[in-house]
Amino acid sequence: MAKLTDTHKRFIVQALACWDRPQEVADAVKEEFGFEMSRGHVQQYDPTKVNGKELSAKWRDLFFATREAYRKAAAEIPIAEQAFRLRNLGKIHERHMARGNLKGAAEALEQAAKEIGGAFTNRREHTGAGGGPIEQKTVVVDEKEVAAAVRKLEDDY
């Protein structure tokens, strides 16, 4: 393994801060600098991983500064904005309608509905009706009632 210079370390830390996988970074190091690194060695430069917990303050600061800059830059990319995506879906829909392509127009409408409805997020509502607490009911039954219910379900099935 070649001795890593500050240039090499900076390259690795910045790539990891942009959420590149360790294998991708190792491949990029090989392509850029001409030497191989293991994934484990690359992970030593990611302070969010167990292997990188002892990363020096200099590289830790660079990592988090790069990650924050990357997040801000990603927010400035037009396609990251819902309004931009909806506007373009509207244009696509109009083009399909002008050409008589009803299937394409319907797909554009479906995509827009998914976009507005939050189909592409991982948000989940963890509240009950009207934003209140989730209602929990405790029902006490004896073994005979459970056996009868199971028997009824098995008969119906």
N, C-alpha and C. Protein backbone atom coordinates (compact mmCIF):
# COMPACT_ATOMS: atom_id res chain seq x y z
N MET A 1 0.85 -1.18 0.00
CA MET A 1 0.00 0.00 0.00
C MET A 1 0.89 1.23 0.00
N ALA A 2 0.59 2.15 -0.89
CA ALA A 2 1.35 3.38 -0.97
C ALA A 2 0.98 4.29 0.21
N LYS A 3 1.94 5.12 0.61
CA LYS A 3 1.68 6.07 1.69
C LYS A 3 0.77 7.16 1.14
N LEU A 4 -0.30 7.45 1.87
CA LEU A 4 -1.27 8.44 1.41
C LEU A 4 -0.81 9.85 1.75
N THR A 5 -0.85 10.71 0.75
CA THR A 5 -0.54 12.12 0.98
C THR A 5 -1.83 12.85 1.36
N ASP A 6 -1.71 14.11 1.71
CA ASP A 6 -2.90 14.90 2.03
C ASP A 6 -3.85 15.00 0.83
N THR A 7 -3.29 15.03 -0.36
CA THR A 7 -4.11 15.09 -1.58
C THR A 7 -4.98 13.85 -1.69
N HIS A 8 -4.36 12.68 -1.45
CA HIS A 8 -5.10 11.42 -1.51
C HIS A 8 -6.20 11.39 -0.44
N LYS A 9 -5.83 11.78 0.77
CA LYS A 9 -6.78 11.76 1.88
C LYS A 9 -7.95 12.71 1.62
N ARG A 10 -7.64 13.89 1.10
CA ARG A 10 -8.69 14.87 0.80
C ARG A 10 -9.65 14.30 -0.24
N PHE A 11 -9.11 13.68 -1.26
CA PHE A 11 -9.92 13.07 -2.32
C PHE A 11 -10.87 12.02 -1.73
N ILE A 12 -10.34 11.17 -0.86
CA ILE A 12 -11.13 10.10 -0.25
C ILE A 12 -12.22 10.67 0.66
N VAL A 13 -11.84 11.59 1.53
CA VAL A 13 -12.79 12.18 2.48
C VAL A 13 -13.92 12.90 1.74
N GLN A 14 -13.59 13.66 0.71
CA GLN A 14 -14.61 14.40 -0.01
C GLN A 14 -15.55 13.46 -0.79
N ALA A 15 -14.99 12.40 -1.34
CA ALA A 15 -15.84 11.44 -2.05
C ALA A 15 -16.80 10.74 -1.09
N LEU A 16 -16.30 10.35 0.07
CA LEU A 16 -17.17 9.70 1.07
C LEU A 16 -18.23 10.66 1.59
N ALA A 17 -17.88 11.93 1.72
CA ALA A 17 -18.83 12.93 2.20
C ALA A 17 -19.99 13.12 1.22
N CYS A 18 -19.74 12.82 -0.05
CA CYS A 18 -20.79 12.92 -1.08
C CYS A 18 -21.54 11.60 -1.24
N TRP A 19 -21.45 10.75 -0.24
CA TRP A 19 -22.16 9.47 -0.17
C TRP A 19 -21.72 8.47 -1.22
N ASP A 20 -20.50 8.57 -1.72
CA ASP A 20 -19.98 7.51 -2.58
C ASP A 20 -19.71 6.30 -1.70
N ARG A 21 -19.98 5.11 -2.23
CA ARG A 21 -19.71 3.89 -1.47
C ARG A 21 -18.21 3.66 -1.40
N PRO A 22 -17.73 2.99 -0.34
CA PRO A 22 -16.29 2.75 -0.21
C PRO A 22 -15.67 2.07 -1.43
N GLN A 23 -16.39 1.12 -2.03
CA GLN A 23 -15.85 0.45 -3.21
C GLN A 23 -15.71 1.42 -4.37
N GLU A 24 -16.68 2.32 -4.52
CA GLU A 24 -16.59 3.33 -5.59
C GLU A 24 -15.40 4.25 -5.36
N VAL A 25 -15.16 4.61 -4.10
CA VAL A 25 -14.03 5.48 -3.79
C VAL A 25 -12.72 4.75 -4.05
N ALA A 26 -12.65 3.48 -3.65
CA ALA A 26 -11.43 2.69 -3.89
C ALA A 26 -11.15 2.59 -5.38
N ASP A 27 -12.20 2.37 -6.17
CA ASP A 27 -12.04 2.31 -7.63
C ASP A 27 -11.59 3.65 -8.19
N ALA A 28 -12.15 4.75 -7.66
CA ALA A 28 -11.77 6.08 -8.13
C ALA A 28 -10.32 6.40 -7.77
N VAL A 29 -9.87 5.97 -6.59
CA VAL A 29 -8.47 6.18 -6.19
C VAL A 29 -7.55 5.43 -7.14
N LYS A 30 -7.93 4.20 -7.47
CA LYS A 30 -7.10 3.41 -8.40
C LYS A 30 -7.02 4.10 -9.76
N GLU A 31 -8.16 4.59 -10.23
CA GLU A 31 -8.19 5.24 -11.54
C GLU A 31 -7.45 6.58 -11.52
N GLU A 32 -7.65 7.36 -10.46
CA GLU A 32 -7.08 8.70 -10.37
C GLU A 32 -5.59 8.70 -10.03
N PHE A 33 -5.21 7.84 -9.06
CA PHE A 33 -3.84 7.89 -8.54
C PHE A 33 -3.01 6.65 -8.86
N GLY A 34 -3.64 5.59 -9.35
CA GLY A 34 -2.90 4.42 -9.80
C GLY A 34 -2.50 3.42 -8.73
N PHE A 35 -3.13 3.44 -7.57
CA PHE A 35 -2.84 2.39 -6.58
C PHE A 35 -4.14 1.91 -5.95
N GLU A 36 -4.08 0.69 -5.44
CA GLU A 36 -5.29 0.06 -4.91
C GLU A 36 -5.41 0.27 -3.41
N MET A 37 -6.66 0.38 -2.98
CA MET A 37 -6.98 0.47 -1.55
C MET A 37 -8.12 -0.48 -1.27
N SER A 38 -8.15 -1.03 -0.07
CA SER A 38 -9.28 -1.89 0.31
C SER A 38 -10.44 -1.00 0.76
N ARG A 39 -11.63 -1.58 0.74
CA ARG A 39 -12.81 -0.84 1.21
C ARG A 39 -12.66 -0.47 2.68
N GLY A 40 -12.10 -1.40 3.47
CA GLY A 40 -11.90 -1.13 4.89
C GLY A 40 -10.99 0.05 5.13
N HIS A 41 -9.93 0.15 4.32
CA HIS A 41 -9.01 1.27 4.46
C HIS A 41 -9.70 2.58 4.08
N VAL A 42 -10.53 2.54 3.06
CA VAL A 42 -11.28 3.73 2.64
C VAL A 42 -12.23 4.15 3.75
N GLN A 43 -12.88 3.18 4.40
CA GLN A 43 -13.85 3.50 5.45
C GLN A 43 -13.22 4.19 6.65
N GLN A 44 -11.93 4.09 6.80
CA GLN A 44 -11.25 4.76 7.91
C GLN A 44 -11.34 6.28 7.77
N TYR A 45 -11.72 6.77 6.60
CA TYR A 45 -11.82 8.20 6.37
C TYR A 45 -13.26 8.70 6.41
N ASP A 46 -14.18 7.84 6.89
CA ASP A 46 -15.59 8.22 7.03
C ASP A 46 -15.94 8.25 8.52
N PRO A 47 -16.07 9.45 9.10
CA PRO A 47 -16.32 9.54 10.55
C PRO A 47 -17.70 9.02 10.97
N THR A 48 -18.58 8.75 10.01
CA THR A 48 -19.89 8.21 10.36
C THR A 48 -19.88 6.69 10.47
N LYS A 49 -18.75 6.07 10.16
CA LYS A 49 -18.61 4.62 10.24
C LYS A 49 -17.74 4.25 11.43
N VAL A 50 -17.87 3.01 11.87
CA VAL A 50 -17.09 2.53 13.01
C VAL A 50 -15.60 2.62 12.72
N ASN A 51 -15.19 2.26 11.50
CA ASN A 51 -13.77 2.30 11.14
C ASN A 51 -13.20 3.72 11.18
N GLY A 52 -14.06 4.73 11.01
CA GLY A 52 -13.58 6.11 10.96
C GLY A 52 -13.74 6.88 12.25
N LYS A 53 -14.05 6.19 13.33
CA LYS A 53 -14.30 6.91 14.59
C LYS A 53 -13.07 7.64 15.12
N GLU A 54 -11.89 7.23 14.70
CA GLU A 54 -10.66 7.86 15.20
C GLU A 54 -10.05 8.81 14.17
N LEU A 55 -10.84 9.22 13.21
CA LEU A 55 -10.36 10.15 12.18
C LEU A 55 -9.98 11.47 12.83
N SER A 56 -8.87 12.05 12.38
CA SER A 56 -8.40 13.30 12.99
C SER A 56 -9.41 14.43 12.76
N ALA A 57 -9.34 15.43 13.61
CA ALA A 57 -10.27 16.56 13.56
C ALA A 57 -10.21 17.27 12.21
N LYS A 58 -9.02 17.37 11.64
CA LYS A 58 -8.85 18.05 10.35
C LYS A 58 -9.72 17.39 9.27
N TRP A 59 -9.64 16.06 9.19
CA TRP A 59 -10.38 15.34 8.15
C TRP A 59 -11.86 15.22 8.50
N ARG A 60 -12.16 15.14 9.78
CA ARG A 60 -13.55 15.10 10.24
C ARG A 60 -14.25 16.42 9.86
N ASP A 61 -13.58 17.55 10.11
CA ASP A 61 -14.15 18.86 9.76
C ASP A 61 -14.35 18.99 8.26
N LEU A 62 -13.37 18.52 7.48
CA LEU A 62 -13.49 18.57 6.02
C LEU A 62 -14.67 17.71 5.56
N PHE A 63 -14.81 16.53 6.16
CA PHE A 63 -15.90 15.63 5.81
C PHE A 63 -17.25 16.31 5.99
N PHE A 64 -17.49 16.86 7.18
CA PHE A 64 -18.79 17.46 7.46
C PHE A 64 -19.02 18.76 6.69
N ALA A 65 -17.96 19.52 6.44
CA ALA A 65 -18.09 20.74 5.63
C ALA A 65 -18.45 20.37 4.19
N THR A 66 -17.80 19.34 3.66
CA THR A 66 -18.09 18.89 2.30
C THR A 66 -19.50 18.35 2.20
N ARG A 67 -19.92 17.58 3.20
CA ARG A 67 -21.27 17.01 3.18
C ARG A 67 -22.32 18.12 3.20
N GLU A 68 -22.10 19.13 4.02
CA GLU A 68 -23.06 20.25 4.10
C GLU A 68 -23.10 21.00 2.77
N ALA A 69 -21.94 21.25 2.17
CA ALA A 69 -21.89 21.93 0.88
C ALA A 69 -22.59 21.10 -0.19
N TYR A 70 -22.41 19.79 -0.13
CA TYR A 70 -23.05 18.89 -1.09
C TYR A 70 -24.57 18.94 -0.95
N ARG A 71 -25.05 18.95 0.28
CA ARG A 71 -26.50 19.03 0.51
C ARG A 71 -27.06 20.34 -0.05
N LYS A 72 -26.35 21.45 0.18
CA LYS A 72 -26.82 22.75 -0.32
C LYS A 72 -26.80 22.78 -1.84
N ALA A 73 -25.75 22.22 -2.43
CA ALA A 73 -25.64 22.20 -3.89
C ALA A 73 -26.74 21.34 -4.49
N ALA A 74 -27.05 20.22 -3.84
CA ALA A 74 -28.11 19.35 -4.34
C ALA A 74 -29.46 20.05 -4.30
N ALA A 75 -29.67 20.90 -3.30
CA ALA A 75 -30.93 21.63 -3.19
C ALA A 75 -31.07 22.66 -4.30
N GLU A 76 -29.96 23.09 -4.88
CA GLU A 76 -30.00 24.09 -5.94
C GLU A 76 -30.19 23.48 -7.33
N ILE A 77 -30.15 22.17 -7.43
CA ILE A 77 -30.37 21.50 -8.71
C ILE A 77 -31.86 21.57 -9.02
N PRO A 78 -32.24 22.10 -10.17
CA PRO A 78 -33.66 22.32 -10.46
C PRO A 78 -34.53 21.07 -10.29
N ILE A 79 -34.07 19.93 -10.73
CA ILE A 79 -34.91 18.73 -10.68
C ILE A 79 -35.19 18.29 -9.25
N ALA A 80 -34.45 18.82 -8.29
CA ALA A 80 -34.70 18.50 -6.89
C ALA A 80 -35.92 19.23 -6.35
N GLU A 81 -36.42 20.21 -7.09
CA GLU A 81 -37.58 20.99 -6.66
C GLU A 81 -38.86 20.43 -7.26
N GLN A 82 -39.85 20.21 -6.42
CA GLN A 82 -41.12 19.64 -6.87
C GLN A 82 -41.80 20.51 -7.92
N ALA A 83 -41.76 21.81 -7.75
CA ALA A 83 -42.41 22.72 -8.70
C ALA A 83 -41.80 22.57 -10.10
N PHE A 84 -40.49 22.41 -10.18
CA PHE A 84 -39.81 22.22 -11.46
C PHE A 84 -40.29 20.92 -12.11
N ARG A 85 -40.35 19.86 -11.31
CA ARG A 85 -40.76 18.56 -11.85
C ARG A 85 -42.21 18.61 -12.34
N LEU A 86 -43.08 19.25 -11.57
CA LEU A 86 -44.49 19.33 -11.97
C LEU A 86 -44.66 20.17 -13.23
N ARG A 87 -43.92 21.24 -13.33
CA ARG A 87 -44.01 22.10 -14.53
C ARG A 87 -43.62 21.31 -15.77
N ASN A 88 -42.54 20.53 -15.65
CA ASN A 88 -42.09 19.74 -16.80
C ASN A 88 -43.05 18.59 -17.09
N LEU A 89 -43.64 18.00 -16.06
CA LEU A 89 -44.65 16.96 -16.30
C LEU A 89 -45.86 17.56 -17.02
N GLY A 90 -46.20 18.80 -16.69
CA GLY A 90 -47.28 19.49 -17.39
C GLY A 90 -46.96 19.67 -18.87
N LYS A 91 -45.73 20.04 -19.16
CA LYS A 91 -45.31 20.20 -20.56
C LYS A 91 -45.36 18.87 -21.30
N ILE A 92 -44.90 17.81 -20.64
CA ILE A 92 -44.92 16.48 -21.24
C ILE A 92 -46.36 16.06 -21.52
N HIS A 93 -47.25 16.31 -20.57
CA HIS A 93 -48.67 15.97 -20.74
C HIS A 93 -49.25 16.71 -21.94
N GLU A 94 -48.97 18.00 -22.04
CA GLU A 94 -49.49 18.79 -23.16
C GLU A 94 -48.97 18.27 -24.50
N ARG A 95 -47.69 17.88 -24.56
CA ARG A 95 -47.13 17.33 -25.79
C ARG A 95 -47.83 16.03 -26.18
N HIS A 96 -48.06 15.17 -25.20
CA HIS A 96 -48.75 13.91 -25.48
C HIS A 96 -50.17 14.16 -25.98
N MET A 97 -50.87 15.10 -25.36
CA MET A 97 -52.24 15.41 -25.78
C MET A 97 -52.26 15.99 -27.19
N ALA A 98 -51.31 16.85 -27.51
CA ALA A 98 -51.25 17.46 -28.84
C ALA A 98 -51.01 16.40 -29.92
N ARG A 99 -50.30 15.35 -29.57
CA ARG A 99 -50.01 14.28 -30.53
C ARG A 99 -51.05 13.17 -30.49
N GLY A 100 -52.01 13.28 -29.59
CA GLY A 100 -53.05 12.26 -29.50
C GLY A 100 -52.61 11.00 -28.77
N ASN A 101 -51.54 11.10 -28.03
CA ASN A 101 -51.02 9.96 -27.29
C ASN A 101 -51.67 9.95 -25.90
N LEU A 102 -52.84 9.34 -25.80
CA LEU A 102 -53.58 9.34 -24.54
C LEU A 102 -52.88 8.52 -23.47
N LYS A 103 -52.24 7.44 -23.86
CA LYS A 103 -51.54 6.61 -22.88
C LYS A 103 -50.40 7.39 -22.24
N GLY A 104 -49.62 8.08 -23.06
CA GLY A 104 -48.52 8.90 -22.53
C GLY A 104 -49.03 10.03 -21.66
N ALA A 105 -50.15 10.64 -22.07
CA ALA A 105 -50.74 11.73 -21.28
C ALA A 105 -51.21 11.22 -19.93
N ALA A 106 -51.83 10.04 -19.94
CA ALA A 106 -52.30 9.45 -18.68
C ALA A 106 -51.13 9.11 -17.76
N GLU A 107 -50.04 8.62 -18.33
CA GLU A 107 -48.86 8.31 -17.52
C GLU A 107 -48.26 9.58 -16.91
N ALA A 108 -48.26 10.67 -17.66
CA ALA A 108 -47.75 11.94 -17.12
C ALA A 108 -48.64 12.42 -15.98
N LEU A 109 -49.96 12.28 -16.14
CA LEU A 109 -50.88 12.66 -15.07
C LEU A 109 -50.68 11.79 -13.83
N GLU A 110 -50.48 10.50 -14.05
CA GLU A 110 -50.24 9.59 -12.92
C GLU A 110 -48.96 9.97 -12.19
N GLN A 111 -47.93 10.28 -12.95
CA GLN A 111 -46.65 10.69 -12.35
C GLN A 111 -46.82 11.97 -11.53
N ALA A 112 -47.58 12.92 -12.06
CA ALA A 112 -47.82 14.17 -11.34
C ALA A 112 -48.61 13.91 -10.06
N ALA A 113 -49.60 13.01 -10.13
CA ALA A 113 -50.39 12.68 -8.94
C ALA A 113 -49.51 12.04 -7.87
N LYS A 114 -48.61 11.17 -8.30
CA LYS A 114 -47.69 10.54 -7.35
C LYS A 114 -46.78 11.59 -6.72
N GLU A 115 -46.34 12.52 -7.53
CA GLU A 115 -45.45 13.58 -7.05
C GLU A 115 -46.15 14.43 -5.99
N ILE A 116 -47.37 14.83 -6.26
CA ILE A 116 -48.14 15.66 -5.33
C ILE A 116 -48.53 14.86 -4.09
N GLY A 117 -48.89 13.60 -4.29
CA GLY A 117 -49.37 12.78 -3.19
C GLY A 117 -48.28 12.26 -2.27
N GLY A 118 -47.03 12.56 -2.58
CA GLY A 118 -45.94 12.13 -1.71
C GLY A 118 -45.56 10.67 -1.88
N ALA A 119 -45.83 10.09 -3.04
CA ALA A 119 -45.51 8.69 -3.27
C ALA A 119 -44.01 8.44 -3.27
N PHE A 120 -43.22 9.48 -3.45
CA PHE A 120 -41.78 9.31 -3.54
C PHE A 120 -41.07 9.74 -2.26
N THR A 121 -41.79 9.75 -1.16
CA THR A 121 -41.18 10.07 0.13
C THR A 121 -41.35 8.88 1.05
N ASN A 122 -40.60 8.87 2.13
CA ASN A 122 -40.74 7.79 3.09
C ASN A 122 -41.42 8.28 4.36
N ARG A 123 -42.18 9.36 4.24
CA ARG A 123 -42.91 9.89 5.40
C ARG A 123 -44.10 9.01 5.72
N ARG A 124 -44.32 8.81 7.00
CA ARG A 124 -45.48 8.04 7.45
C ARG A 124 -46.16 8.81 8.56
N GLU A 125 -47.47 8.75 8.57
CA GLU A 125 -48.21 9.43 9.63
C GLU A 125 -48.29 8.50 10.83
N HIS A 126 -47.84 9.01 11.96
CA HIS A 126 -47.84 8.22 13.18
C HIS A 126 -48.80 8.83 14.20
N THR A 127 -49.96 9.23 13.72
CA THR A 127 -50.97 9.80 14.61
C THR A 127 -52.31 9.17 14.28
N GLY A 128 -53.24 9.36 15.16
CA GLY A 128 -54.59 8.86 14.95
C GLY A 128 -55.40 9.83 14.13
N ALA A 129 -56.72 9.64 14.16
CA ALA A 129 -57.63 10.48 13.39
C ALA A 129 -57.53 11.93 13.86
N GLY A 130 -57.45 12.86 12.91
CA GLY A 130 -57.39 14.28 13.22
C GLY A 130 -56.10 14.71 13.89
N GLY A 131 -55.05 13.92 13.77
CA GLY A 131 -53.77 14.29 14.37
C GLY A 131 -53.64 13.94 15.83
N GLY A 132 -54.67 13.33 16.39
CA GLY A 132 -54.64 12.95 17.80
C GLY A 132 -53.84 11.67 18.01
N PRO A 133 -53.84 11.19 19.24
CA PRO A 133 -53.09 9.96 19.52
C PRO A 133 -53.76 8.75 18.87
N ILE A 134 -52.97 7.73 18.59
CA ILE A 134 -53.50 6.51 18.02
C ILE A 134 -54.30 5.78 19.09
N GLU A 135 -55.52 5.41 18.73
CA GLU A 135 -56.40 4.74 19.69
C GLU A 135 -55.97 3.28 19.84
N GLN A 136 -55.83 2.84 21.07
CA GLN A 136 -55.46 1.46 21.34
C GLN A 136 -56.54 0.82 22.19
N LYS A 137 -56.99 -0.34 21.78
CA LYS A 137 -58.01 -1.06 22.53
C LYS A 137 -57.42 -2.36 23.04
N THR A 138 -57.72 -2.68 24.26
CA THR A 138 -57.32 -3.95 24.84
C THR A 138 -58.57 -4.79 25.03
N VAL A 139 -58.56 -5.97 24.44
CA VAL A 139 -59.71 -6.86 24.53
C VAL A 139 -59.28 -8.11 25.29
N VAL A 140 -60.04 -8.46 26.30
CA VAL A 140 -59.73 -9.64 27.10
C VAL A 140 -60.64 -10.78 26.66
N VAL A 141 -60.06 -11.89 26.25
CA VAL A 141 -60.83 -13.07 25.85
C VAL A 141 -60.26 -14.30 26.54
N ASP A 142 -61.09 -15.32 26.66
CA ASP A 142 -60.57 -16.56 27.26
C ASP A 142 -60.24 -17.55 26.15
N GLU A 143 -59.68 -18.68 26.53
CA GLU A 143 -59.22 -19.66 25.55
C GLU A 143 -60.36 -20.21 24.71
N LYS A 144 -61.53 -20.37 25.29
CA LYS A 144 -62.67 -20.93 24.56
C LYS A 144 -63.08 -20.00 23.42
N GLU A 145 -63.10 -18.70 23.69
CA GLU A 145 -63.48 -17.74 22.65
C GLU A 145 -62.46 -17.73 21.51
N VAL A 146 -61.17 -17.82 21.86
CA VAL A 146 -60.12 -17.85 20.84
C VAL A 146 -60.26 -19.11 20.00
N ALA A 147 -60.46 -20.26 20.66
CA ALA A 147 -60.60 -21.53 19.94
C ALA A 147 -61.81 -21.49 19.02
N ALA A 148 -62.91 -20.92 19.49
CA ALA A 148 -64.12 -20.82 18.66
C ALA A 148 -63.88 -19.91 17.45
N ALA A 149 -63.20 -18.80 17.66
CA ALA A 149 -62.92 -17.87 16.56
C ALA A 149 -62.00 -18.52 15.53
N VAL A 150 -60.99 -19.25 15.99
CA VAL A 150 -60.06 -19.93 15.08
C VAL A 150 -60.82 -20.99 14.29
N ARG A 151 -61.67 -21.77 14.97
CA ARG A 151 -62.46 -22.81 14.32
C ARG A 151 -63.35 -22.19 13.24
N LYS A 152 -63.98 -21.08 13.56
CA LYS A 152 -64.86 -20.40 12.59
C LYS A 152 -64.07 -19.93 11.37
N LEU A 153 -62.89 -19.36 11.61
CA LEU A 153 -62.06 -18.90 10.49
C LEU A 153 -61.61 -20.07 9.63
N GLU A 154 -61.24 -21.17 10.27
CA GLU A 154 -60.80 -22.35 9.51
C GLU A 154 -61.95 -22.93 8.70
N ASP A 155 -63.16 -22.92 9.25
CA ASP A 155 -64.32 -23.42 8.52
C ASP A 155 -64.64 -22.53 7.33
N ASP A 156 -64.52 -21.22 7.51
CA ASP A 156 -64.78 -20.27 6.42
C ASP A 156 -63.72 -20.35 5.33
N TYR A 157 -62.51 -20.69 5.72
CA TYR A 157 -61.40 -20.72 4.76
C TYR A 157 -61.51 -21.98 3.94
